[in-house]
Amino acid sequence: MDKAMLDQAHEVLNDYYGVALSDTFVAEVLESDEELLEEAQAGALSDTYVRELLIDCVTRKLGCPVWPSYIDSEEYSKKFKTEFALKVIEAGGKVLWIQMI
């Protein structure tokens, strides 16, 4: 796995989603979806659509439901983010920050 691609994925996960995951975990996520891998190879991980694809693949690997959107209830968002944080920690990652609402 290309280091620059992993670094960009880590940057997106840190800056937009507040989590730090291992290189192995992130590499497995990138390789789990052909479209995501192609976009990552093209250096497009910071694009909105690709960021959403990345977090969808991360949540799927963690066994969480989909990341909340603006139309989801505050209750769902809080419940999801609590579960997401616990799953990140269980996977050996770190929660850097999390916005509950």
Protein backbone atom coordinates (compact mmCIF):
# COMPACT_ATOMS: atom_id res chain seq x y z
CA MET A 1 0.00 0.00 0.00
CA ASP A 2 1.37 3.39 -1.03
CA LYS A 3 2.40 5.51 2.01
CA ALA A 4 1.09 8.75 0.49
CA MET A 5 -2.32 7.15 -0.03
CA LEU A 6 -2.39 5.87 3.57
CA ASP A 7 -1.30 9.27 4.85
CA GLN A 8 -4.11 10.99 2.95
CA ALA A 9 -6.65 8.48 4.30
CA HIS A 10 -5.39 9.05 7.86
CA GLU A 11 -5.61 12.82 7.37
CA VAL A 12 -9.24 12.58 6.22
CA LEU A 13 -10.19 10.26 9.08
CA ASN A 14 -8.44 12.49 11.64
CA ASP A 15 -9.66 15.84 10.34
CA TYR A 16 -13.22 15.02 9.28
CA TYR A 17 -14.21 12.12 11.54
CA GLY A 18 -11.96 12.50 14.59
CA VAL A 19 -10.46 9.02 14.58
CA ALA A 20 -7.02 7.49 14.21
CA LEU A 21 -6.86 3.90 13.01
CA SER A 22 -3.88 1.64 12.30
CA ASP A 23 -2.20 1.52 8.91
CA THR A 24 -3.31 -2.10 8.59
CA PHE A 25 -6.95 -1.26 9.29
CA VAL A 26 -6.94 1.68 6.85
CA ALA A 27 -5.20 -0.36 4.13
CA GLU A 28 -7.80 -3.12 4.51
CA VAL A 29 -10.58 -0.53 4.25
CA LEU A 30 -9.08 1.00 1.11
CA GLU A 31 -8.65 -2.41 -0.49
CA SER A 32 -12.19 -3.49 0.46
CA ASP A 33 -13.85 -1.32 -2.19
CA GLU A 34 -12.64 -1.08 -5.77
CA GLU A 35 -14.04 2.41 -6.36
CA LEU A 36 -12.54 3.72 -3.12
CA LEU A 37 -9.15 2.25 -3.98
CA GLU A 38 -9.21 3.81 -7.47
CA GLU A 39 -10.14 7.22 -6.01
CA ALA A 40 -7.42 6.90 -3.37
CA GLN A 41 -4.84 6.05 -6.02
CA ALA A 42 -5.93 9.17 -7.91
CA GLY A 43 -5.38 11.27 -4.77
CA ALA A 44 -9.06 12.14 -4.42
CA LEU A 45 -9.69 11.05 -0.82
CA SER A 46 -10.40 14.62 0.31
CA ASP A 47 -13.27 15.01 -2.18
CA THR A 48 -16.67 15.01 -0.46
CA TYR A 49 -18.05 11.94 -2.24
CA VAL A 50 -14.87 9.94 -1.65
CA ARG A 51 -14.71 10.96 2.03
CA GLU A 52 -18.25 9.63 2.43
CA LEU A 53 -17.30 6.42 0.64
CA LEU A 54 -14.28 6.06 2.95
CA ILE A 55 -16.30 6.50 6.14
CA ASP A 56 -18.99 4.13 4.83
CA CYS A 57 -16.30 1.47 4.31
CA VAL A 58 -14.82 2.17 7.77
CA THR A 59 -18.21 1.89 9.50
CA ARG A 60 -18.99 -1.31 7.60
CA LYS A 61 -15.65 -2.85 8.67
CA LEU A 62 -16.33 -1.81 12.27
CA GLY A 63 -19.82 -3.33 12.14
CA CYS A 64 -21.61 -0.01 12.63
CA PRO A 65 -24.62 1.32 10.75
CA VAL A 66 -24.09 4.13 8.25
CA TRP A 67 -22.68 7.51 9.32
CA PRO A 68 -25.53 9.89 10.22
CA SER A 69 -26.61 12.50 7.71
CA TYR A 70 -28.29 15.85 8.28
CA ILE A 71 -31.75 14.28 7.93
CA ASP A 72 -31.16 11.79 10.76
CA SER A 73 -32.46 12.53 14.23
CA GLU A 74 -30.24 13.94 16.96
CA GLU A 75 -30.98 10.78 18.94
CA TYR A 76 -29.72 8.54 16.10
CA SER A 77 -26.63 10.70 15.65
CA LYS A 78 -25.69 10.54 19.33
CA LYS A 79 -26.35 6.79 19.53
CA PHE A 80 -24.37 6.14 16.37
CA LYS A 81 -21.38 8.26 17.41
CA THR A 82 -21.22 6.61 20.83
CA GLU A 83 -21.25 3.15 19.24
CA PHE A 84 -18.76 4.28 16.57
CA ALA A 85 -16.33 5.58 19.21
CA LEU A 86 -16.52 2.29 21.13
CA LYS A 87 -15.96 0.25 17.96
CA VAL A 88 -12.95 2.40 16.99
CA ILE A 89 -11.40 1.74 20.40
CA GLU A 90 -12.19 -2.00 20.17
CA ALA A 91 -10.39 -2.04 16.80
CA GLY A 92 -7.28 -0.58 18.46
CA GLY A 93 -7.84 2.95 17.21
CA LYS A 94 -8.16 6.25 19.02
CA VAL A 95 -10.97 8.76 19.18
CA LEU A 96 -9.36 12.18 18.73
CA TRP A 97 -12.61 14.15 18.93
CA ILE A 98 -16.27 13.56 18.20
CA GLN A 99 -19.05 16.05 17.59
CA MET A 100 -22.20 14.59 19.11
CA ILE A 101 -24.69 16.80 17.31
